[in-house]
Amino acid sequence: MSITSALVLYAVIWFMVFLIVIPVRLQTQGDVGKIVPGTHAGSPEVHNLKRKAWITTWVGLALWVVIAGIILSGWITVRDIDFFNRMGPAPEFGGTGG
C-alpha cells in the first residue's frame, strides 16, 4: 500500500465514522426549547463538533490500523471479494515458468 492509498483509506474511514458520530447526543433547538425564528426545530443547538471530531480521529485511527493491517498482511485480497470472477484465475507461483 502506497502512502497515497493509506491516506485515502484513512480519509474514507474518518468521514464514514464522522457521519455516524455526528447525530450521537445531539441536542436540537426543539429539545432545548429555544427555536430561532426562521429555523427548523430539528436544527442543532448543542452539537459539540470539536469533541466529535477528536473522537472520530481516534476511532478512525484504530479502524485504519486494523484495516491497513489486514490489507498489508494479505489475509484478504482483491481476489477474495471478486464475486463475479472478472479478474480470472490467480497467477501460479513456484512453477517451472513454462
Protein backbone atom coordinates (compact mmCIF):
# COMPACT_ATOMS: atom_id res chain seq x y z
CA MET A 1 0.00 0.00 0.00
CA SER A 2 1.44 3.34 -1.00
CA ILE A 3 1.31 6.46 1.17
CA THR A 4 -1.42 7.93 -1.02
CA SER A 5 -3.53 4.79 -0.68
CA ALA A 6 -3.07 4.82 3.08
CA LEU A 7 -4.15 8.48 3.31
CA VAL A 8 -7.18 7.91 1.10
CA LEU A 9 -8.17 4.87 3.17
CA TYR A 10 -7.87 6.92 6.37
CA ALA A 11 -9.90 9.80 4.89
CA VAL A 12 -12.71 7.49 3.80
CA ILE A 13 -12.78 5.78 7.21
CA TRP A 14 -12.65 9.15 9.01
CA PHE A 15 -15.62 10.60 7.11
CA MET A 16 -17.68 7.43 7.49
CA VAL A 17 -17.09 7.40 11.25
CA PHE A 18 -17.77 11.15 11.45
CA LEU A 19 -21.14 10.76 9.74
CA ILE A 20 -22.00 8.08 12.29
CA VAL A 21 -20.81 10.13 15.30
CA ILE A 22 -22.46 13.46 14.38
CA PRO A 23 -26.02 12.58 15.50
CA VAL A 24 -24.90 10.96 18.77
CA ARG A 25 -26.06 13.02 21.80
CA LEU A 26 -27.18 15.89 19.56
CA GLN A 27 -29.46 18.45 21.21
CA THR A 28 -31.79 20.20 18.82
CA GLN A 29 -33.45 23.58 19.20
CA GLY A 30 -36.73 21.74 19.80
CA ASP A 31 -35.16 19.70 22.62
CA VAL A 32 -33.77 22.79 24.33
CA GLY A 33 -36.91 24.85 23.72
CA LYS A 34 -35.14 27.78 22.03
CA ILE A 35 -36.37 27.75 18.45
CA VAL A 36 -34.89 30.65 16.48
CA PRO A 37 -37.46 32.17 14.11
CA GLY A 38 -36.89 31.00 10.54
CA THR A 39 -35.13 27.77 11.51
CA HIS A 40 -36.37 24.22 11.86
CA ALA A 41 -36.99 22.79 15.32
CA GLY A 42 -34.59 19.96 14.43
CA SER A 43 -31.68 22.34 13.91
CA PRO A 44 -28.78 21.63 16.28
CA GLU A 45 -28.39 23.80 19.35
CA VAL A 46 -25.58 21.92 21.12
CA HIS A 47 -23.51 19.88 18.67
CA ASN A 48 -20.01 19.54 20.23
CA LEU A 49 -18.37 19.20 16.81
CA LYS A 50 -14.82 19.68 18.09
CA ARG A 51 -15.17 16.83 20.59
CA LYS A 52 -16.84 14.63 17.98
CA ALA A 53 -14.04 15.34 15.52
CA TRP A 54 -11.45 14.20 18.09
CA ILE A 55 -13.44 11.07 18.88
CA THR A 56 -13.72 10.38 15.16
CA THR A 57 -9.97 10.87 14.71
CA TRP A 58 -9.08 8.28 17.36
CA VAL A 59 -11.75 5.75 16.39
CA GLY A 60 -10.82 6.22 12.72
CA LEU A 61 -7.15 5.68 13.52
CA ALA A 62 -7.92 2.43 15.36
CA LEU A 63 -10.07 1.18 12.49
CA TRP A 64 -7.43 2.25 9.96
CA VAL A 65 -4.72 0.28 11.79
CA VAL A 66 -6.88 -2.85 11.73
CA ILE A 67 -7.96 -2.49 8.08
CA ALA A 68 -4.50 -1.49 6.83
CA GLY A 69 -3.02 -4.44 8.74
CA ILE A 70 -5.45 -6.82 7.05
CA ILE A 71 -4.65 -5.35 3.63
CA LEU A 72 -0.88 -5.41 4.12
CA SER A 73 -0.84 -8.93 5.56
CA GLY A 74 -2.62 -10.32 2.50
CA TRP A 75 -5.18 -12.05 4.69
CA ILE A 76 -7.94 -10.61 2.45
CA THR A 77 -7.07 -9.72 -1.14
CA VAL A 78 -8.98 -8.18 -4.03
CA ARG A 79 -9.44 -11.65 -5.50
CA ASP A 80 -11.26 -12.72 -2.34
CA ILE A 81 -14.00 -10.17 -2.98
CA ASP A 82 -14.20 -10.79 -6.76
CA PHE A 83 -17.65 -12.40 -6.66
CA PHE A 84 -18.15 -12.38 -10.44
CA ASN A 85 -14.71 -13.83 -11.38
CA ARG A 86 -13.83 -10.84 -13.57
CA MET A 87 -10.15 -10.97 -12.60
CA GLY A 88 -9.55 -14.52 -13.88
CA PRO A 89 -7.51 -17.15 -12.11
CA ALA A 90 -4.72 -16.15 -9.75
CA PRO A 91 -1.20 -16.49 -11.17
CA GLU A 92 0.72 -19.60 -10.20
CA PHE A 93 3.90 -19.05 -8.18
CA GLY A 94 6.74 -21.50 -7.79
CA GLY A 95 6.10 -23.26 -11.07
CA THR A 96 8.59 -24.20 -13.75
CA GLY A 97 8.00 -20.94 -15.60
CA GLY A 98 6.93 -22.65 -18.80
